[in-house]
Structure formats: structure tokens, C-alpha cells
Protein backbone atom coordinates (compact mmCIF):
# COMPACT_ATOMS: atom_id res chain seq x y z
CA MET A 1 -91.29 -164.86 166.06
CA ALA A 2 -94.75 -163.85 164.53
CA LYS A 3 -97.64 -164.75 166.76
CA PHE A 4 -100.75 -165.91 164.98
CA ILE A 5 -102.53 -167.69 168.02
CA ILE A 6 -103.23 -166.32 171.51
CA SER A 7 -104.27 -168.96 174.04
CA ALA A 8 -107.67 -168.61 175.87
CA SER A 9 -105.93 -167.99 179.29
CA GLU A 10 -103.72 -165.30 177.70
CA ALA A 11 -106.81 -163.66 175.94
CA GLU A 12 -108.67 -163.57 179.26
CA SER A 13 -105.76 -161.95 181.03
CA MET A 14 -105.12 -159.50 178.34
CA ALA A 15 -108.80 -158.47 178.44
CA LYS A 16 -108.90 -158.32 182.29
CA SER A 17 -105.89 -156.16 182.52
CA ARG A 18 -107.80 -153.46 180.36
CA GLY A 19 -111.00 -153.85 182.08
CA ILE A 20 -112.82 -155.15 178.96
CA THR A 21 -114.22 -158.42 177.59
CA VAL A 22 -112.42 -160.64 175.15
CA PRO A 23 -114.65 -159.63 172.20
CA GLN A 24 -113.82 -156.02 173.06
CA LEU A 25 -110.13 -156.86 172.99
CA LEU A 26 -110.22 -157.94 169.21
CA PRO A 27 -110.22 -154.68 167.53
CA SER A 28 -107.05 -153.62 169.36
CA LEU A 29 -105.27 -156.65 167.92
CA VAL A 30 -106.08 -155.92 164.17
CA LYS A 31 -103.06 -153.65 163.64
CA SER A 32 -100.84 -156.46 164.99
CA ALA A 33 -102.52 -158.79 162.40
CA GLN A 34 -102.07 -156.27 159.55
CA ALA A 35 -98.28 -156.13 160.46
CA LEU A 36 -98.00 -159.90 159.47
CA ALA A 37 -99.29 -159.30 155.98
CA ARG A 38 -97.04 -159.92 152.94
CA THR A 39 -98.35 -157.60 150.18
CA PRO A 40 -95.51 -156.78 147.61
CA ILE A 41 -98.09 -156.23 145.03
CA SER A 42 -100.76 -153.94 146.52
CA ASP A 43 -99.01 -152.71 149.61
CA PHE A 44 -102.46 -152.90 151.10
CA HIS A 45 -102.21 -154.73 154.54
CA VAL A 46 -105.43 -156.53 155.71
CA GLY A 47 -105.66 -158.09 159.19
CA ALA A 48 -108.26 -160.28 160.64
CA VAL A 49 -108.76 -161.48 164.24
CA GLY A 50 -111.11 -164.19 165.40
CA LEU A 51 -112.36 -165.48 168.62
CA SER A 52 -112.90 -169.26 168.40
CA SER A 53 -115.54 -171.27 170.34
CA ASN A 54 -112.76 -172.72 172.58
CA GLY A 55 -111.63 -169.19 173.73
CA ARG A 56 -108.45 -168.80 171.60
CA ILE A 57 -107.77 -165.85 169.48
CA PHE A 58 -106.57 -166.41 165.74
CA PHE A 59 -104.89 -164.01 163.47
CA GLY A 60 -105.12 -163.76 159.70
CA CYS A 61 -103.54 -161.63 157.11
CA ASN A 62 -103.42 -161.26 153.30
CA VAL A 63 -100.48 -162.78 151.40
CA GLU A 64 -99.51 -161.97 147.80
CA PHE A 65 -97.08 -163.72 145.46
CA PRO A 66 -95.36 -161.45 142.82
CA GLY A 67 -94.89 -163.14 139.61
CA LEU A 68 -98.01 -165.25 139.90
CA PRO A 69 -101.60 -164.61 138.92
CA LEU A 70 -103.59 -162.65 141.38
CA HIS A 71 -105.95 -165.37 142.31
CA HIS A 72 -103.06 -167.28 144.13
CA SER A 73 -103.27 -164.63 146.71
CA ILE A 74 -104.41 -165.55 150.24
CA HIS A 75 -107.04 -163.26 151.71
CA ALA A 76 -106.99 -162.38 155.45
CA GLU A 77 -110.23 -164.12 156.17
CA GLN A 78 -109.16 -167.17 154.27
CA PHE A 79 -105.96 -167.17 156.32
CA LEU A 80 -107.94 -166.76 159.59
CA ILE A 81 -110.24 -169.69 158.86
CA THR A 82 -107.43 -171.90 157.71
CA ASN A 83 -105.59 -171.07 160.91
CA VAL A 84 -108.51 -171.87 162.99
CA ALA A 85 -109.16 -175.15 161.18
CA ALA A 86 -105.61 -176.33 161.21
CA HIS A 87 -105.00 -175.64 165.00
CA GLY A 88 -108.12 -177.00 166.55
CA GLY A 89 -109.96 -173.80 167.19
CA GLY A 90 -113.25 -175.62 167.54
CA PRO A 91 -116.27 -175.89 165.33
CA LYS A 92 -117.39 -172.19 165.52
CA LEU A 93 -116.10 -168.61 165.16
CA LEU A 94 -117.84 -166.33 167.68
CA HIS A 95 -116.50 -162.98 166.80
CA MET A 96 -114.35 -161.47 164.19
CA ALA A 97 -112.51 -158.01 163.85
CA VAL A 98 -111.23 -156.96 160.46
CA SER A 99 -109.27 -153.93 159.31
CA ALA A 100 -111.45 -153.46 156.29
CA ALA A 101 -114.91 -154.54 155.05
CA PRO A 102 -114.52 -158.06 153.74
CA CYS A 103 -114.63 -158.30 150.03
CA GLY A 104 -117.21 -160.41 148.32
CA HIS A 105 -114.71 -163.20 147.89
CA CYS A 106 -114.26 -163.39 151.60
CA ARG A 107 -117.95 -163.00 152.56
CA GLN A 108 -118.54 -166.06 150.29
CA PHE A 109 -115.57 -168.04 151.79
CA LEU A 110 -116.97 -167.38 155.34
CA GLN A 111 -120.22 -169.21 154.36
CA GLU A 112 -118.36 -172.62 154.75
CA VAL A 113 -118.49 -171.98 158.59
CA ARG A 114 -121.45 -173.39 160.24
CA GLY A 115 -123.77 -170.72 161.87
CA VAL A 116 -121.88 -167.98 159.89
CA SER A 117 -124.86 -165.66 159.99
CA ASP A 118 -124.52 -165.52 163.80
CA ILE A 119 -120.79 -164.57 163.81
CA GLN A 120 -120.38 -161.02 165.18
CA ILE A 121 -118.08 -158.88 163.10
CA VAL A 122 -116.54 -155.36 163.57
CA ILE A 123 -114.81 -153.31 161.06
CA THR A 124 -112.04 -151.26 162.63
CA ASP A 125 -112.45 -148.21 160.55
CA GLN A 126 -115.27 -147.54 162.82
CA PRO A 127 -114.65 -145.84 166.25
CA LEU A 128 -113.01 -148.34 168.58
CA GLU A 129 -114.22 -147.06 172.04
CA ASN A 130 -117.28 -149.29 171.88
CA PRO A 131 -116.73 -151.89 169.20
CA ASP A 132 -119.93 -151.97 166.99
CA TYR A 133 -120.30 -155.66 166.41
CA LYS A 134 -123.11 -156.86 164.13
CA PRO A 135 -123.86 -160.30 162.71
CA ILE A 136 -122.30 -161.24 159.29
CA SER A 137 -125.81 -161.63 157.87
CA SER A 138 -126.03 -157.92 158.07
CA ILE A 139 -123.26 -157.65 155.31
CA LEU A 140 -124.42 -160.58 153.30
CA PRO A 141 -128.28 -160.69 153.77
CA ASP A 142 -129.10 -163.16 150.95
CA PRO A 143 -126.17 -165.60 150.76
CA PHE A 144 -125.60 -168.51 148.55
CA GLY A 145 -123.87 -171.29 150.62
CA PRO A 146 -123.48 -174.87 151.61
CA TYR A 147 -127.11 -175.56 152.29
CA ASP A 148 -128.01 -174.71 148.70
CA LEU A 149 -125.85 -177.66 147.67
CA LEU A 150 -125.42 -179.95 150.64
CA ASP A 151 -127.49 -181.50 153.52
CA GLN A 152 -127.34 -180.38 157.14
CA GLU A 153 -125.21 -183.39 158.19
CA THR A 154 -122.24 -182.72 155.82
CA PRO A 155 -119.34 -181.34 157.93
CA LEU A 156 -118.30 -177.73 157.25
CA VAL A 157 -114.96 -176.08 157.29
CA LEU A 158 -114.21 -176.02 160.92
CA GLU A 159 -115.72 -179.37 161.84
CA LYS A 160 -114.04 -182.75 161.78
CA HIS A 161 -113.39 -184.32 158.30
CA ASN A 162 -112.27 -187.88 157.78
CA ASN A 163 -112.24 -188.42 153.96
CA GLN A 164 -111.89 -192.18 153.45
CA LEU A 165 -108.64 -192.34 151.62
CA LEU A 166 -105.58 -194.59 151.29
CA LEU A 167 -102.41 -194.09 149.48
CA LYS A 168 -102.01 -196.25 146.22
CA GLU A 169 -99.04 -198.17 145.59
CA ASP A 170 -96.41 -195.58 144.52
CA VAL A 171 -95.98 -195.70 140.87
CA SER A 172 -94.87 -192.04 140.44
CA LYS A 173 -91.44 -191.38 139.01
CA VAL A 174 -88.56 -190.78 141.37
CA ILE A 175 -87.57 -187.15 141.25
CA ASN A 176 -83.98 -186.43 140.55
CA GLY A 177 -81.81 -184.23 142.89
CA HIS A 178 -83.41 -185.45 146.23
CA SER A 179 -81.13 -184.36 148.93
CA GLU A 180 -80.27 -186.80 151.77
CA LEU A 181 -82.87 -184.90 154.00
CA VAL A 182 -85.56 -185.27 151.52
CA ILE A 183 -84.94 -188.99 151.07
CA LYS A 184 -84.87 -189.56 154.78
CA ASN A 185 -88.25 -187.66 155.26
CA ILE A 186 -90.19 -188.57 152.11
CA GLU A 187 -92.45 -191.26 153.84
CA ASN A 188 -93.24 -188.74 156.69
CA LEU A 189 -94.16 -186.19 154.02
CA LYS A 190 -96.54 -188.64 152.25
CA THR A 191 -98.07 -189.52 155.63
CA GLU A 192 -98.81 -185.87 156.40
CA ALA A 193 -100.04 -185.07 152.87
CA LEU A 194 -102.39 -187.98 153.12
CA ALA A 195 -103.67 -186.80 156.58
CA ALA A 196 -104.26 -183.32 155.11
CA ALA A 197 -106.24 -184.75 152.23
CA ARG A 198 -108.38 -186.79 154.76
CA GLU A 199 -109.10 -183.43 156.58
CA SER A 200 -109.97 -181.71 153.30
CA HIS A 201 -113.22 -179.84 152.88
CA ALA A 202 -114.26 -180.90 149.40
CA PRO A 203 -117.95 -181.65 149.50
CA TYR A 204 -118.74 -180.03 146.18
CA SER A 205 -116.32 -181.75 143.83
CA GLY A 206 -115.69 -184.94 145.98
CA CYS A 207 -111.97 -184.43 145.22
CA PRO A 208 -110.12 -184.00 148.62
CA SER A 209 -106.48 -183.09 148.43
CA GLY A 210 -103.67 -182.15 150.77
CA VAL A 211 -100.11 -180.78 150.73
CA ALA A 212 -97.15 -181.29 153.11
CA LEU A 213 -94.15 -178.90 152.84
CA MET A 214 -90.63 -179.48 154.42
CA ASP A 215 -88.16 -176.87 155.21
CA CYS A 216 -84.48 -177.18 155.23
CA GLU A 217 -84.46 -178.16 158.81
CA GLY A 218 -86.79 -181.16 158.29
CA LYS A 219 -89.97 -179.52 159.71
CA VAL A 220 -93.10 -180.38 158.15
CA TYR A 221 -96.16 -178.07 157.46
CA LYS A 222 -99.49 -179.54 156.12
CA GLY A 223 -102.53 -177.90 154.46
CA SER A 224 -105.86 -179.08 153.36
CA TYR A 225 -107.88 -178.00 150.28
CA VAL A 226 -110.92 -175.99 151.38
CA GLU A 227 -113.77 -175.64 148.82
CA SER A 228 -116.43 -172.82 148.57
CA ALA A 229 -120.01 -173.40 147.50
CA ALA A 230 -119.27 -170.63 144.88
CA TYR A 231 -116.09 -172.57 143.62
CA ASN A 232 -113.90 -169.58 142.85
CA PRO A 233 -113.12 -168.56 146.51
CA SER A 234 -111.83 -172.17 147.19
CA LEU A 235 -108.52 -172.32 148.80
CA MET A 236 -105.88 -174.68 147.32
CA PRO A 237 -103.86 -177.10 149.52
CA VAL A 238 -100.59 -175.45 148.78
CA GLN A 239 -101.82 -172.15 149.97
CA ALA A 240 -103.25 -173.80 153.21
CA ALA A 241 -99.85 -175.39 153.80
CA LEU A 242 -98.09 -172.02 153.40
CA VAL A 243 -100.45 -170.52 155.99
CA ALA A 244 -99.15 -173.33 158.27
CA TYR A 245 -95.64 -172.36 157.43
CA MET A 246 -96.26 -168.80 158.29
CA VAL A 247 -98.02 -169.45 161.52
CA ALA A 248 -94.98 -171.42 162.64
CA GLY A 249 -93.07 -168.28 162.44
CA ASN A 250 -91.18 -168.76 159.19
CA GLY A 251 -89.87 -166.11 156.85
CA GLY A 252 -88.85 -166.50 153.21
CA TYR A 253 -90.29 -169.37 151.27
CA GLU A 254 -86.79 -170.35 149.88
CA ARG A 255 -86.37 -172.42 153.00
CA ILE A 256 -89.05 -174.95 151.62
CA VAL A 257 -87.19 -177.84 149.87
CA ALA A 258 -89.75 -180.48 149.40
CA ALA A 259 -93.44 -180.94 149.00
CA VAL A 260 -95.83 -183.86 148.65
CA LEU A 261 -99.41 -183.47 147.16
CA ALA A 262 -101.81 -186.19 147.90
CA GLU A 263 -104.90 -186.30 145.68
CA THR A 264 -107.06 -188.90 143.95
CA GLU A 265 -105.80 -190.04 140.56
CA GLY A 266 -107.93 -188.82 137.59
CA ALA A 267 -110.03 -186.41 139.97
CA MET A 268 -112.23 -184.02 138.19
CA VAL A 269 -110.51 -181.24 140.31
CA ARG A 270 -106.73 -181.70 140.34
CA GLN A 271 -104.14 -179.65 142.20
CA GLU A 272 -100.84 -180.74 140.72
CA ALA A 273 -100.57 -178.19 137.89
CA THR A 274 -101.27 -175.13 140.10
CA ALA A 275 -99.17 -176.55 143.00
CA ARG A 276 -96.10 -177.09 140.68
CA LEU A 277 -96.48 -173.60 139.23
CA MET A 278 -96.58 -171.91 142.64
CA LEU A 279 -93.84 -173.84 144.28
CA ASN A 280 -91.52 -173.54 141.28
CA HIS A 281 -91.99 -169.83 141.58
CA ILE A 282 -91.63 -169.09 145.39
CA SER A 283 -88.98 -171.83 146.05
CA PRO A 284 -87.41 -172.96 142.77
CA LYS A 285 -85.37 -175.62 144.56
CA CYS A 286 -88.42 -177.25 146.16
CA GLU A 287 -89.13 -180.68 144.69
CA LEU A 288 -92.82 -181.59 144.36
CA ARG A 289 -93.88 -185.20 144.39
CA VAL A 290 -97.41 -186.45 143.79
CA VAL A 291 -98.95 -189.35 145.40
CA HIS A 292 -102.37 -190.76 144.52
CA CYS A 293 -105.12 -191.93 146.89
CA VAL A 294 -108.00 -194.23 146.51
CA GLN A 295 -111.32 -194.03 148.45
CA PHE A 296 -112.34 -196.78 150.80
CA ASP A 297 -115.48 -197.57 152.60
């Protein structure tokens, strides 16, 4: 099974066995992260490894989807941040090692992490004997980010979110062809999609959303929408759910048989069309159901 998370105790043990610190360990793990990448278009494998504030190590890799527009791709740094956020990595990322210099898209996405300028980053095409960490501010000295648009109290991407949402009465059409498994689990899928929407980082549009995917064994994987202050680097909830699917060790997407998207009805920013496009392409038998939420005080 692919391994995307290393516990704090295991990280300490690995570093101690080599006579180095945990931050010094990260560059040696980048090739393992690269090996997890799915890049049928570019064949360019990117790996990102991060040390979170609770001592765990998280992996990220780039993921591409042939047959879809390139902006549906998941960048390694996006995968990393989504992995940390979804699996309780704590509110901060302390150190990062990446296989290649982050593109502008990813430098912008990282701005959604509080204290991003202090994150120490090393690019592993440099000599590895003494990892040359430097603050992210050194590679993006004049950033545009959350504080250009938000106040200091608004939670950022790795911090706890609780969007005040409830599901509306279900008025959506019943989708034909539900298997017995889907019918049995639809309420759980709706609950998980709502939970993902409540955890969504959508302070710029005010349009939180979440997706829950179910595989052919009835296992559920959820993902939350993550916005960027620059808008375009935002990560859609269906991609975030696919990160959870991969982190759980799954292979082909064809095992995904059902999905629920939870979003507010009539939202300025809607996910249904792009989620349907993506799921229809990567797993044609997957049935997407959309449920609408309402805000409450």
C-alpha cells in the first residue's frame, strides 16, 4: 500500500537511526513521494514532503488526468497541503522538501497556510549532504495572499473550519441505476459530503462545498473545497476527495461507484458541472448526486 503519512514516532526513529534531525530526513524521502505521482501526460514526477506542527511527515505528489483540461491536475504541493488538512496535521507546516522549485501556482496556493513565510523549504536538486533550507519568503518575496482580502481572525487552510451549514430537504431527482450498495450508503455519503463542506476553506467566495466518494467496497473518502486568494489555484472538492482516495492506498479510479456533492443552492461559485465532468471521465459508472445546503446562524 502506498504510504502518504509517517507518524511522529516513526519519523523520530528514522532520523535517529541515521544520526540526523527530522528536518534533515525530509530530502531523502522526496524520491519516495515522486514515485507516488500519476503523470500520464507529462511523465514529470513531482514529490513534496512536509513536516507538520504535530511532528508527522506528510507526502504529496502531482496527479494528472488524461482526457481532461490541464487545470484539473493536482499539484504536489496542493496534494501535500490537502493531505495535512484532511488528516489532522496541525495548524502549521514547519519544513518542506520538494523535488523541483514550486511553480507560481503552488507558491500562491501555499499562501493559504498561516505563517507561510516562515516555512522552511529545500529543493532537492541541490546537494543533499547539508539540506539548504530557506524560508518560503525567499522564493516569493512580495506575495499576494489572504491578508490582502481577509482579517487576521479568519481561519486559514490548516485551521479548524466550521461553516454553518445544514442540508436542505432533499428535492433532487433520484438517479437511475443505483446499485444496492449505493442505496444502502447514500445517507452516509450525504453526511460525509456535508461534513466536508463544513470544513471547506472558502472565505473569498463564501461558497463552501464538499464531496464524498464511495468505492465498490462501500468505503467513503471526503474532500473539501480549498480556495486561494488568487482564485485560479483553488482546489476543487472532487480533487480533494481523490487525494483522500489515493492516501488510503487505492489504485484505479474505476473503483469509485458513487459520489455526493454538497454545496449551497444558487451559489456564486458552483462545483456540480466540473465535478460531473471529472467523475464521468475517470469513472463512468460513478453516479453523482448533488445535495444543497443552507447557512444557519
